N, C-alpha and C. Protein backbone atom coordinates (compact mmCIF):
# COMPACT_ATOMS: atom_id res chain seq x y z
N MET A 1 159.00 -7.82 90.28
CA MET A 1 158.49 -8.79 89.33
C MET A 1 157.90 -8.07 88.13
N GLU A 2 158.26 -8.49 86.95
CA GLU A 2 157.80 -7.88 85.72
C GLU A 2 156.46 -8.45 85.31
N ASN A 3 155.55 -7.62 84.84
CA ASN A 3 154.24 -8.06 84.40
C ASN A 3 154.26 -8.23 82.89
N ASN A 4 154.34 -9.47 82.41
CA ASN A 4 154.35 -9.74 80.97
C ASN A 4 152.92 -9.87 80.49
N LYS A 5 152.43 -8.85 79.81
CA LYS A 5 151.06 -8.83 79.34
C LYS A 5 151.05 -8.74 77.82
N THR A 6 150.33 -9.65 77.20
CA THR A 6 150.18 -9.65 75.76
C THR A 6 148.85 -9.00 75.42
N THR A 7 148.86 -8.06 74.47
CA THR A 7 147.62 -7.40 74.05
C THR A 7 147.37 -7.66 72.58
N SER A 8 146.11 -7.60 72.20
CA SER A 8 145.72 -7.83 70.81
C SER A 8 144.68 -6.78 70.43
N GLU A 9 144.89 -6.14 69.27
CA GLU A 9 143.92 -5.15 68.80
C GLU A 9 143.82 -5.20 67.28
N ARG A 10 142.66 -4.83 66.79
CA ARG A 10 142.43 -4.82 65.35
C ARG A 10 143.19 -3.66 64.72
N VAL A 11 143.80 -3.92 63.55
CA VAL A 11 144.56 -2.90 62.84
C VAL A 11 144.29 -3.00 61.34
N GLU A 12 144.61 -1.92 60.64
CA GLU A 12 144.60 -1.91 59.18
C GLU A 12 146.02 -2.25 58.74
N VAL A 13 146.15 -3.09 57.71
CA VAL A 13 147.46 -3.51 57.25
C VAL A 13 147.59 -3.30 55.75
N MET A 14 148.72 -2.76 55.34
CA MET A 14 149.09 -2.69 53.93
C MET A 14 150.02 -3.87 53.70
N ALA A 15 149.63 -4.77 52.79
CA ALA A 15 150.42 -5.98 52.57
C ALA A 15 150.60 -6.21 51.07
N LEU A 16 151.68 -6.89 50.76
CA LEU A 16 152.00 -7.27 49.39
C LEU A 16 151.70 -8.75 49.25
N PHE A 17 150.80 -9.11 48.35
CA PHE A 17 150.41 -10.51 48.16
C PHE A 17 151.01 -11.07 46.89
N GLY A 18 151.43 -12.34 46.96
CA GLY A 18 151.91 -13.04 45.78
C GLY A 18 153.22 -12.54 45.23
N TYR A 19 154.16 -12.19 46.09
CA TYR A 19 155.45 -11.66 45.64
C TYR A 19 156.52 -12.73 45.78
N GLU A 20 157.04 -13.19 44.66
CA GLU A 20 158.10 -14.20 44.59
C GLU A 20 157.78 -15.40 45.48
N MET A 21 158.65 -15.75 46.40
CA MET A 21 158.46 -16.93 47.25
C MET A 21 157.64 -16.64 48.50
N THR A 22 157.33 -15.38 48.75
CA THR A 22 156.53 -15.01 49.92
C THR A 22 155.11 -14.71 49.47
N PRO A 23 154.13 -15.55 49.84
CA PRO A 23 152.76 -15.31 49.38
C PRO A 23 152.13 -14.05 49.95
N CYS A 24 152.56 -13.61 51.15
CA CYS A 24 152.04 -12.38 51.75
C CYS A 24 153.13 -11.77 52.61
N GLN A 25 153.32 -10.47 52.45
CA GLN A 25 154.31 -9.75 53.25
C GLN A 25 153.70 -8.44 53.75
N PRO A 26 153.47 -8.31 55.07
CA PRO A 26 152.95 -7.04 55.58
C PRO A 26 154.01 -5.94 55.45
N LEU A 27 153.58 -4.77 54.97
CA LEU A 27 154.50 -3.65 54.76
C LEU A 27 154.36 -2.59 55.85
N SER A 28 153.13 -2.38 56.32
CA SER A 28 152.87 -1.40 57.38
C SER A 28 151.54 -1.72 58.04
N PHE A 29 151.32 -1.11 59.21
CA PHE A 29 150.05 -1.27 59.89
C PHE A 29 149.67 0.05 60.54
N LYS A 30 148.38 0.17 60.84
CA LYS A 30 147.88 1.41 61.43
C LYS A 30 146.83 1.08 62.48
N LYS A 31 147.08 1.56 63.71
CA LYS A 31 146.10 1.43 64.77
C LYS A 31 145.07 2.55 64.60
N ARG A 32 143.88 2.35 65.14
CA ARG A 32 142.82 3.36 65.04
C ARG A 32 143.29 4.66 65.69
N GLY A 33 143.18 5.75 64.93
CA GLY A 33 143.52 7.07 65.46
C GLY A 33 145.01 7.38 65.55
N GLU A 34 145.84 6.49 65.03
CA GLU A 34 147.29 6.71 65.08
C GLU A 34 147.87 6.72 63.68
N SER A 35 149.13 7.11 63.57
CA SER A 35 149.78 7.15 62.26
C SER A 35 150.27 5.76 61.86
N GLU A 36 150.54 5.62 60.59
CA GLU A 36 150.99 4.35 60.02
C GLU A 36 152.40 4.02 60.51
N VAL A 37 152.64 2.72 60.78
CA VAL A 37 153.93 2.24 61.25
C VAL A 37 154.49 1.28 60.22
N GLU A 38 155.72 1.54 59.77
CA GLU A 38 156.35 0.70 58.76
C GLU A 38 156.96 -0.56 59.39
N VAL A 39 156.73 -1.70 58.73
CA VAL A 39 157.36 -2.95 59.13
C VAL A 39 158.78 -2.92 58.58
N THR A 40 159.76 -2.99 59.47
CA THR A 40 161.15 -2.90 59.03
C THR A 40 161.77 -4.27 58.77
N GLU A 41 161.22 -5.32 59.41
CA GLU A 41 161.77 -6.65 59.20
C GLU A 41 160.70 -7.71 59.43
N LEU A 42 160.64 -8.67 58.52
CA LEU A 42 159.78 -9.84 58.66
C LEU A 42 160.66 -10.97 59.16
N LEU A 43 160.43 -11.42 60.40
CA LEU A 43 161.28 -12.44 61.01
C LEU A 43 160.91 -13.85 60.57
N ARG A 44 159.61 -14.17 60.63
CA ARG A 44 159.15 -15.49 60.19
C ARG A 44 157.64 -15.47 60.05
N THR A 45 157.12 -16.46 59.37
CA THR A 45 155.67 -16.62 59.22
C THR A 45 155.31 -18.06 59.57
N HIS A 46 154.10 -18.24 60.07
CA HIS A 46 153.58 -19.58 60.30
C HIS A 46 152.06 -19.52 60.35
N ILE A 47 151.44 -20.68 60.32
CA ILE A 47 149.98 -20.78 60.29
C ILE A 47 149.52 -21.61 61.48
N LYS A 48 148.44 -21.16 62.12
CA LYS A 48 147.78 -21.98 63.14
C LYS A 48 146.32 -22.10 62.74
N PHE A 49 145.73 -23.22 63.07
CA PHE A 49 144.33 -23.46 62.74
C PHE A 49 143.49 -23.34 63.99
N VAL A 50 142.45 -22.52 63.92
CA VAL A 50 141.51 -22.32 65.01
C VAL A 50 140.15 -22.68 64.46
N GLY A 51 139.65 -23.86 64.85
CA GLY A 51 138.41 -24.35 64.26
C GLY A 51 138.63 -24.58 62.77
N ASN A 52 137.79 -23.97 61.95
CA ASN A 52 137.91 -24.10 60.50
C ASN A 52 138.71 -22.96 59.87
N ALA A 53 139.20 -22.04 60.69
CA ALA A 53 139.90 -20.86 60.17
C ALA A 53 141.41 -21.03 60.25
N ALA A 54 142.08 -20.59 59.21
CA ALA A 54 143.54 -20.52 59.21
C ALA A 54 143.95 -19.12 59.63
N HIS A 55 144.79 -19.05 60.65
CA HIS A 55 145.33 -17.77 61.12
C HIS A 55 146.79 -17.71 60.71
N HIS A 56 147.12 -16.74 59.86
CA HIS A 56 148.49 -16.56 59.37
C HIS A 56 149.17 -15.57 60.32
N LEU A 57 150.29 -16.01 60.90
CA LEU A 57 151.01 -15.20 61.88
C LEU A 57 152.34 -14.72 61.29
N PHE A 58 152.59 -13.43 61.45
CA PHE A 58 153.79 -12.79 60.93
C PHE A 58 154.55 -12.17 62.09
N ASP A 59 155.70 -12.72 62.43
CA ASP A 59 156.57 -12.13 63.45
C ASP A 59 157.34 -11.01 62.78
N ILE A 60 157.20 -9.80 63.29
CA ILE A 60 157.79 -8.62 62.64
C ILE A 60 158.54 -7.74 63.64
N ILE A 61 159.35 -6.85 63.08
CA ILE A 61 159.97 -5.75 63.81
C ILE A 61 159.44 -4.46 63.18
N ALA A 62 158.96 -3.55 64.04
CA ALA A 62 158.48 -2.24 63.60
C ALA A 62 158.75 -1.26 64.73
N SER A 63 159.29 -0.10 64.40
CA SER A 63 159.64 0.92 65.40
C SER A 63 160.49 0.34 66.52
N HIS A 64 161.45 -0.50 66.14
CA HIS A 64 162.40 -1.11 67.08
C HIS A 64 161.74 -2.00 68.13
N ARG A 65 160.52 -2.48 67.84
CA ARG A 65 159.81 -3.39 68.75
C ARG A 65 159.36 -4.63 67.99
N ARG A 66 159.21 -5.72 68.72
CA ARG A 66 158.75 -6.97 68.12
C ARG A 66 157.24 -7.08 68.31
N TYR A 67 156.56 -7.45 67.21
CA TYR A 67 155.11 -7.64 67.20
C TYR A 67 154.79 -8.93 66.45
N VAL A 68 153.54 -9.32 66.55
CA VAL A 68 153.00 -10.38 65.70
C VAL A 68 151.75 -9.81 65.04
N LEU A 69 151.70 -9.89 63.71
CA LEU A 69 150.49 -9.55 62.98
C LEU A 69 149.79 -10.86 62.66
N GLU A 70 148.49 -10.92 62.94
CA GLU A 70 147.71 -12.13 62.72
C GLU A 70 146.61 -11.84 61.71
N PHE A 71 146.56 -12.64 60.65
CA PHE A 71 145.54 -12.49 59.61
C PHE A 71 144.60 -13.69 59.67
N ASN A 72 143.31 -13.41 59.90
CA ASN A 72 142.29 -14.45 59.93
C ASN A 72 141.76 -14.63 58.52
N SER A 73 142.00 -15.80 57.94
CA SER A 73 141.62 -16.03 56.54
C SER A 73 140.11 -16.18 56.35
N THR A 74 139.36 -16.36 57.43
CA THR A 74 137.91 -16.50 57.31
C THR A 74 137.21 -15.15 57.26
N ASN A 75 137.51 -14.27 58.23
CA ASN A 75 136.83 -12.97 58.24
C ASN A 75 137.71 -11.82 57.72
N LEU A 76 138.92 -12.15 57.26
CA LEU A 76 139.88 -11.20 56.66
C LEU A 76 140.28 -10.08 57.61
N GLU A 77 140.27 -10.36 58.90
CA GLU A 77 140.63 -9.39 59.92
C GLU A 77 142.12 -9.52 60.29
N TRP A 78 142.77 -8.34 60.42
CA TRP A 78 144.15 -8.29 60.90
C TRP A 78 144.15 -7.86 62.35
N ARG A 79 144.99 -8.50 63.17
CA ARG A 79 145.15 -8.12 64.57
C ARG A 79 146.63 -7.95 64.86
N LEU A 80 146.94 -6.96 65.68
CA LEU A 80 148.31 -6.71 66.11
C LEU A 80 148.45 -7.24 67.53
N ILE A 81 149.39 -8.13 67.71
CA ILE A 81 149.64 -8.72 69.03
C ILE A 81 150.95 -8.12 69.54
N THR A 82 150.86 -7.43 70.65
CA THR A 82 152.03 -6.82 71.27
C THR A 82 152.55 -7.78 72.32
N ILE A 83 153.83 -8.09 72.22
CA ILE A 83 154.44 -9.07 73.11
C ILE A 83 155.14 -8.35 74.25
């Protein structure tokens, strides 16, 4: 039996804001103490509301793996969700 565990950790993100039809596009992210990882593909974006905060979710491919980057518009924190 496979153990499907989702993890979430705070990361630094380099993003491009206000570019053509995409209001925000993450370009790379960096975990604490590790090297920067380039986002190779942006699959889709969507928004979920948690209380009064809008959380912008970016489904991405980086280093041949699928991740979700989550941006909290209230505290401006980025989180990397490993699927």
